[in-house]
Amino acid sequence: MKFYTTMPKALQPFYQNEITKAAAAFKKEHYMISWRHLERAHVLGQPYPYQHTAVHWKMLCFGIKLKNWKEVIGQIPRLLAGGVKSFVGHIPVGNTGGANVPPLMPMEIAKDLAEIINNTKTK
């Protein structure tokens, strides 16, 4: 069994870029754009416990700020279990992380994100 602990350095700027874009869009009240960047950050960070947990925390905060209680309730178990599942390498690859999708459902990864993931695996 392989344990995942840290995100590759080559992947970190792409993950951070999505987090930064999500915050900037939220500040401008472009909530759908903000959410899309959080989903993209989730796909990039999902295999890594710290980043995976951090994205779910941001999704929980997003739900609280917008009083989206479905999202808040949906994020709580994801926040509690996501990092552990990442650590042991048991994740639904491509899942975007929101309460609008089943938490264990694998999903197709956007082409640009798949390229980023593949190009940064060995670096």
N, C-alpha and C. Protein backbone atom coordinates (compact mmCIF):
# COMPACT_ATOMS: atom_id res chain seq x y z
N MET A 1 0.85 -1.18 0.00
CA MET A 1 0.00 0.00 0.00
C MET A 1 0.90 1.24 0.00
N LYS A 2 0.59 2.16 -0.87
CA LYS A 2 1.37 3.40 -0.94
C LYS A 2 0.68 4.48 -0.11
N PHE A 3 1.46 5.18 0.70
CA PHE A 3 0.92 6.28 1.50
C PHE A 3 1.31 7.60 0.84
N TYR A 4 0.34 8.47 0.69
CA TYR A 4 0.56 9.77 0.07
C TYR A 4 0.66 10.80 1.19
N THR A 5 1.72 11.57 1.18
CA THR A 5 1.88 12.56 2.24
C THR A 5 2.04 13.98 1.70
N THR A 6 2.85 14.17 0.68
CA THR A 6 3.09 15.53 0.22
C THR A 6 2.84 15.66 -1.28
N MET A 7 2.33 16.81 -1.65
CA MET A 7 2.08 17.12 -3.05
C MET A 7 3.42 17.41 -3.73
N PRO A 8 3.63 16.88 -4.93
CA PRO A 8 4.87 17.18 -5.65
C PRO A 8 5.05 18.70 -5.85
N LYS A 9 6.27 19.16 -5.70
CA LYS A 9 6.55 20.60 -5.83
C LYS A 9 6.10 21.15 -7.17
N ALA A 10 6.22 20.36 -8.23
CA ALA A 10 5.83 20.83 -9.56
C ALA A 10 4.32 21.04 -9.67
N LEU A 11 3.53 20.35 -8.85
CA LEU A 11 2.08 20.48 -8.89
C LEU A 11 1.57 21.62 -8.01
N GLN A 12 2.33 21.97 -6.99
CA GLN A 12 1.89 22.98 -6.02
C GLN A 12 1.47 24.31 -6.63
N PRO A 13 2.21 24.88 -7.60
CA PRO A 13 1.77 26.18 -8.16
C PRO A 13 0.42 26.10 -8.87
N PHE A 14 0.13 24.99 -9.51
CA PHE A 14 -1.15 24.83 -10.20
C PHE A 14 -2.30 24.76 -9.19
N TYR A 15 -2.07 24.02 -8.12
CA TYR A 15 -3.07 23.92 -7.05
C TYR A 15 -3.29 25.30 -6.42
N GLN A 16 -2.20 25.96 -6.08
CA GLN A 16 -2.30 27.27 -5.43
C GLN A 16 -2.96 28.29 -6.34
N ASN A 17 -2.71 28.21 -7.63
CA ASN A 17 -3.34 29.11 -8.60
C ASN A 17 -4.86 28.98 -8.56
N GLU A 18 -5.35 27.76 -8.47
CA GLU A 18 -6.80 27.54 -8.40
C GLU A 18 -7.37 28.10 -7.10
N ILE A 19 -6.66 27.92 -6.00
CA ILE A 19 -7.10 28.46 -4.70
C ILE A 19 -7.14 29.98 -4.76
N THR A 20 -6.11 30.59 -5.33
CA THR A 20 -6.03 32.05 -5.44
C THR A 20 -7.15 32.59 -6.32
N LYS A 21 -7.38 31.93 -7.45
CA LYS A 21 -8.46 32.37 -8.36
C LYS A 21 -9.83 32.22 -7.70
N ALA A 22 -10.01 31.18 -6.90
CA ALA A 22 -11.28 30.98 -6.20
C ALA A 22 -11.52 32.14 -5.23
N ALA A 23 -10.50 32.51 -4.48
CA ALA A 23 -10.64 33.61 -3.51
C ALA A 23 -10.91 34.93 -4.21
N ALA A 24 -10.21 35.19 -5.31
CA ALA A 24 -10.40 36.45 -6.04
C ALA A 24 -11.81 36.53 -6.62
N ALA A 25 -12.29 35.44 -7.19
CA ALA A 25 -13.64 35.44 -7.76
C ALA A 25 -14.69 35.60 -6.66
N PHE A 26 -14.48 34.97 -5.52
CA PHE A 26 -15.44 35.10 -4.42
C PHE A 26 -15.51 36.55 -3.95
N LYS A 27 -14.36 37.17 -3.84
CA LYS A 27 -14.30 38.57 -3.40
C LYS A 27 -15.10 39.48 -4.33
N LYS A 28 -15.12 39.15 -5.62
CA LYS A 28 -15.87 39.93 -6.62
C LYS A 28 -17.33 39.48 -6.72
N GLU A 29 -17.70 38.54 -5.85
CA GLU A 29 -19.05 37.96 -5.83
C GLU A 29 -19.37 37.17 -7.10
N HIS A 30 -18.34 36.63 -7.71
CA HIS A 30 -18.50 35.73 -8.86
C HIS A 30 -18.48 34.30 -8.30
N TYR A 31 -19.57 33.94 -7.66
CA TYR A 31 -19.61 32.72 -6.87
C TYR A 31 -19.48 31.45 -7.70
N MET A 32 -20.10 31.40 -8.86
CA MET A 32 -19.99 30.20 -9.69
C MET A 32 -18.55 29.98 -10.18
N ILE A 33 -17.89 31.07 -10.53
CA ILE A 33 -16.50 30.98 -10.96
C ILE A 33 -15.63 30.55 -9.79
N SER A 34 -15.87 31.14 -8.64
CA SER A 34 -15.13 30.77 -7.44
C SER A 34 -15.28 29.28 -7.15
N TRP A 35 -16.51 28.81 -7.19
CA TRP A 35 -16.77 27.40 -6.91
C TRP A 35 -16.06 26.50 -7.91
N ARG A 36 -16.07 26.88 -9.18
CA ARG A 36 -15.40 26.07 -10.21
C ARG A 36 -13.91 25.94 -9.92
N HIS A 37 -13.29 27.02 -9.45
CA HIS A 37 -11.86 26.95 -9.11
C HIS A 37 -11.63 26.07 -7.89
N LEU A 38 -12.55 26.08 -6.93
CA LEU A 38 -12.42 25.17 -5.79
C LEU A 38 -12.53 23.71 -6.25
N GLU A 39 -13.44 23.44 -7.17
CA GLU A 39 -13.57 22.08 -7.70
C GLU A 39 -12.28 21.66 -8.41
N ARG A 40 -11.69 22.56 -9.17
CA ARG A 40 -10.45 22.25 -9.88
C ARG A 40 -9.31 22.02 -8.88
N ALA A 41 -9.26 22.83 -7.84
CA ALA A 41 -8.25 22.64 -6.79
C ALA A 41 -8.46 21.29 -6.12
N HIS A 42 -9.71 20.90 -5.93
CA HIS A 42 -10.01 19.61 -5.32
C HIS A 42 -9.46 18.47 -6.17
N VAL A 43 -9.67 18.54 -7.46
CA VAL A 43 -9.18 17.48 -8.35
C VAL A 43 -7.65 17.40 -8.27
N LEU A 44 -6.99 18.54 -8.26
CA LEU A 44 -5.52 18.55 -8.19
C LEU A 44 -5.01 18.10 -6.82
N GLY A 45 -5.69 18.49 -5.77
CA GLY A 45 -5.21 18.21 -4.42
C GLY A 45 -5.71 16.93 -3.80
N GLN A 46 -6.66 16.29 -4.43
CA GLN A 46 -7.33 15.13 -3.84
C GLN A 46 -6.39 14.01 -3.38
N PRO A 47 -5.33 13.67 -4.07
CA PRO A 47 -4.47 12.58 -3.59
C PRO A 47 -3.62 12.94 -2.37
N TYR A 48 -3.59 14.18 -1.97
CA TYR A 48 -2.67 14.64 -0.93
C TYR A 48 -3.45 15.13 0.29
N PRO A 49 -3.24 14.51 1.46
CA PRO A 49 -4.08 14.77 2.63
C PRO A 49 -4.23 16.24 3.01
N TYR A 50 -3.14 16.99 3.06
CA TYR A 50 -3.24 18.38 3.49
C TYR A 50 -4.07 19.20 2.50
N GLN A 51 -3.73 19.12 1.22
CA GLN A 51 -4.43 19.91 0.20
C GLN A 51 -5.89 19.47 0.07
N HIS A 52 -6.13 18.18 0.16
CA HIS A 52 -7.49 17.67 0.06
C HIS A 52 -8.35 18.21 1.20
N THR A 53 -7.82 18.13 2.41
CA THR A 53 -8.55 18.65 3.57
C THR A 53 -8.74 20.15 3.47
N ALA A 54 -7.71 20.86 3.03
CA ALA A 54 -7.79 22.32 2.91
C ALA A 54 -8.88 22.74 1.92
N VAL A 55 -9.01 22.04 0.81
CA VAL A 55 -10.05 22.38 -0.17
C VAL A 55 -11.43 22.14 0.43
N HIS A 56 -11.60 21.04 1.14
CA HIS A 56 -12.91 20.79 1.76
C HIS A 56 -13.22 21.85 2.82
N TRP A 57 -12.21 22.31 3.53
CA TRP A 57 -12.41 23.40 4.49
C TRP A 57 -12.89 24.66 3.76
N LYS A 58 -12.26 24.97 2.65
CA LYS A 58 -12.67 26.15 1.87
C LYS A 58 -14.08 25.97 1.30
N MET A 59 -14.41 24.77 0.89
CA MET A 59 -15.77 24.50 0.40
C MET A 59 -16.79 24.65 1.53
N LEU A 60 -16.43 24.19 2.71
CA LEU A 60 -17.31 24.36 3.87
C LEU A 60 -17.52 25.84 4.17
N CYS A 61 -16.45 26.61 4.19
CA CYS A 61 -16.54 28.06 4.42
C CYS A 61 -17.37 28.74 3.34
N PHE A 62 -17.20 28.32 2.11
CA PHE A 62 -17.99 28.84 0.98
C PHE A 62 -19.47 28.63 1.27
N GLY A 63 -19.83 27.42 1.66
CA GLY A 63 -21.22 27.11 1.96
C GLY A 63 -21.76 27.94 3.11
N ILE A 64 -20.96 28.13 4.14
CA ILE A 64 -21.38 28.94 5.29
C ILE A 64 -21.61 30.39 4.87
N LYS A 65 -20.66 30.95 4.13
CA LYS A 65 -20.77 32.36 3.72
C LYS A 65 -22.00 32.60 2.86
N LEU A 66 -22.36 31.62 2.03
CA LEU A 66 -23.52 31.78 1.15
C LEU A 66 -24.80 31.19 1.76
N LYS A 67 -24.68 30.71 2.99
CA LYS A 67 -25.82 30.09 3.69
C LYS A 67 -26.43 28.95 2.87
N ASN A 68 -25.54 28.19 2.24
CA ASN A 68 -25.94 27.01 1.47
C ASN A 68 -25.79 25.81 2.41
N TRP A 69 -26.86 25.50 3.12
CA TRP A 69 -26.78 24.50 4.17
C TRP A 69 -26.60 23.09 3.62
N LYS A 70 -27.08 22.84 2.41
CA LYS A 70 -26.84 21.54 1.78
C LYS A 70 -25.33 21.33 1.60
N GLU A 71 -24.65 22.38 1.16
CA GLU A 71 -23.20 22.29 0.98
C GLU A 71 -22.49 22.14 2.32
N VAL A 72 -22.92 22.89 3.30
CA VAL A 72 -22.30 22.81 4.63
C VAL A 72 -22.42 21.38 5.17
N ILE A 73 -23.63 20.84 5.15
CA ILE A 73 -23.86 19.49 5.67
C ILE A 73 -23.08 18.46 4.85
N GLY A 74 -23.01 18.66 3.54
CA GLY A 74 -22.28 17.74 2.68
C GLY A 74 -20.78 17.80 2.86
N GLN A 75 -20.26 18.95 3.26
CA GLN A 75 -18.82 19.09 3.42
C GLN A 75 -18.31 18.50 4.74
N ILE A 76 -19.14 18.43 5.75
CA ILE A 76 -18.66 17.95 7.06
C ILE A 76 -18.07 16.54 6.98
N PRO A 77 -18.78 15.54 6.44
CA PRO A 77 -18.14 14.22 6.35
C PRO A 77 -16.95 14.20 5.40
N ARG A 78 -17.00 14.99 4.35
CA ARG A 78 -15.88 15.04 3.41
C ARG A 78 -14.65 15.63 4.11
N LEU A 79 -14.88 16.63 4.92
CA LEU A 79 -13.78 17.26 5.65
C LEU A 79 -13.15 16.27 6.63
N LEU A 80 -13.99 15.49 7.29
CA LEU A 80 -13.50 14.54 8.29
C LEU A 80 -12.79 13.33 7.67
N ALA A 81 -13.27 12.87 6.52
CA ALA A 81 -12.73 11.63 5.94
C ALA A 81 -11.79 11.84 4.76
N GLY A 82 -11.88 12.97 4.09
CA GLY A 82 -11.12 13.17 2.86
C GLY A 82 -9.62 13.01 3.00
N GLY A 83 -9.04 13.64 4.00
CA GLY A 83 -7.60 13.57 4.19
C GLY A 83 -7.11 12.16 4.48
N VAL A 84 -7.89 11.43 5.28
CA VAL A 84 -7.53 10.05 5.61
C VAL A 84 -7.56 9.18 4.36
N LYS A 85 -8.60 9.35 3.56
CA LYS A 85 -8.69 8.56 2.32
C LYS A 85 -7.54 8.91 1.37
N SER A 86 -7.14 10.18 1.35
CA SER A 86 -6.00 10.57 0.52
C SER A 86 -4.73 9.88 1.01
N PHE A 87 -4.54 9.87 2.31
CA PHE A 87 -3.33 9.31 2.91
C PHE A 87 -3.13 7.85 2.50
N VAL A 88 -4.22 7.09 2.46
CA VAL A 88 -4.11 5.67 2.11
C VAL A 88 -4.33 5.40 0.62
N GLY A 89 -4.51 6.47 -0.16
CA GLY A 89 -4.64 6.32 -1.61
C GLY A 89 -5.97 5.76 -2.07
N HIS A 90 -7.01 5.96 -1.29
CA HIS A 90 -8.34 5.45 -1.65
C HIS A 90 -9.27 6.64 -1.92
N ILE A 91 -9.19 7.16 -3.15
CA ILE A 91 -9.99 8.33 -3.52
C ILE A 91 -10.75 8.05 -4.80
N PRO A 92 -11.90 8.71 -4.98
CA PRO A 92 -12.61 8.61 -6.25
C PRO A 92 -12.00 9.62 -7.23
N VAL A 93 -11.10 9.16 -8.05
CA VAL A 93 -10.33 10.02 -8.94
C VAL A 93 -11.25 10.93 -9.76
N GLY A 94 -10.89 12.21 -9.79
CA GLY A 94 -11.63 13.18 -10.58
C GLY A 94 -12.84 13.79 -9.91
N ASN A 95 -13.26 13.22 -8.77
CA ASN A 95 -14.43 13.75 -8.06
C ASN A 95 -14.18 15.21 -7.71
N THR A 96 -15.17 16.06 -7.98
CA THR A 96 -15.00 17.51 -7.81
C THR A 96 -15.23 17.99 -6.38
N GLY A 97 -15.70 17.13 -5.48
CA GLY A 97 -15.70 17.44 -4.06
C GLY A 97 -16.90 18.15 -3.48
N GLY A 98 -17.82 18.59 -4.29
CA GLY A 98 -18.98 19.31 -3.77
C GLY A 98 -20.08 18.37 -3.30
N ALA A 99 -21.00 18.92 -2.52
CA ALA A 99 -22.13 18.13 -2.02
C ALA A 99 -23.11 17.79 -3.13
N ASN A 100 -22.92 18.38 -4.30
CA ASN A 100 -23.80 18.11 -5.44
C ASN A 100 -23.43 16.83 -6.18
N VAL A 101 -22.35 16.16 -5.76
CA VAL A 101 -21.96 14.89 -6.36
C VAL A 101 -21.73 13.86 -5.25
N PRO A 102 -22.01 12.58 -5.53
CA PRO A 102 -21.75 11.56 -4.52
C PRO A 102 -20.27 11.55 -4.13
N PRO A 103 -19.96 11.43 -2.85
CA PRO A 103 -18.57 11.56 -2.41
C PRO A 103 -17.62 10.48 -2.90
N LEU A 104 -18.14 9.32 -3.27
CA LEU A 104 -17.26 8.23 -3.71
C LEU A 104 -17.33 7.96 -5.20
N MET A 105 -17.95 8.87 -5.95
CA MET A 105 -18.12 8.66 -7.39
C MET A 105 -16.91 9.19 -8.18
N PRO A 106 -16.19 8.30 -8.87
CA PRO A 106 -15.12 8.79 -9.75
C PRO A 106 -15.73 9.60 -10.89
N MET A 107 -14.98 10.58 -11.36
CA MET A 107 -15.46 11.44 -12.43
C MET A 107 -14.34 11.64 -13.44
N GLU A 108 -14.73 12.02 -14.64
CA GLU A 108 -13.73 12.31 -15.67
C GLU A 108 -12.99 13.58 -15.28
N ILE A 109 -11.68 13.57 -15.47
CA ILE A 109 -10.86 14.74 -15.16
C ILE A 109 -10.79 15.62 -16.40
N ALA A 110 -10.98 16.92 -16.20
CA ALA A 110 -10.87 17.88 -17.31
C ALA A 110 -9.51 17.68 -17.99
N LYS A 111 -9.52 17.81 -19.31
CA LYS A 111 -8.31 17.53 -20.10
C LYS A 111 -7.10 18.34 -19.62
N ASP A 112 -7.30 19.64 -19.36
CA ASP A 112 -6.16 20.47 -18.95
C ASP A 112 -5.63 20.03 -17.58
N LEU A 113 -6.52 19.63 -16.68
CA LEU A 113 -6.06 19.17 -15.36
C LEU A 113 -5.36 17.82 -15.47
N ALA A 114 -5.86 16.94 -16.33
CA ALA A 114 -5.22 15.64 -16.54
C ALA A 114 -3.79 15.84 -17.07
N GLU A 115 -3.62 16.78 -17.97
CA GLU A 115 -2.28 17.07 -18.50
C GLU A 115 -1.36 17.59 -17.40
N ILE A 116 -1.89 18.49 -16.56
CA ILE A 116 -1.09 19.02 -15.45
C ILE A 116 -0.68 17.89 -14.53
N ILE A 117 -1.63 17.05 -14.16
CA ILE A 117 -1.33 15.93 -13.25
C ILE A 117 -0.29 15.01 -13.86
N ASN A 118 -0.47 14.64 -15.11
CA ASN A 118 0.48 13.73 -15.77
C ASN A 118 1.86 14.35 -15.92
N ASN A 119 1.92 15.64 -16.23
CA ASN A 119 3.21 16.31 -16.44
C ASN A 119 3.95 16.60 -15.15
N THR A 120 3.27 16.56 -14.02
CA THR A 120 3.94 16.89 -12.75
C THR A 120 4.15 15.67 -11.86
N LYS A 121 3.74 14.51 -12.30
CA LYS A 121 3.88 13.29 -11.49
C LYS A 121 5.32 12.96 -11.15
N THR A 122 6.19 13.04 -12.11
CA THR A 122 7.56 12.59 -11.90
C THR A 122 8.52 13.70 -11.53
N LYS A 123 8.01 14.91 -11.40
CA LYS A 123 8.91 16.04 -11.14
C LYS A 123 8.94 16.38 -9.67
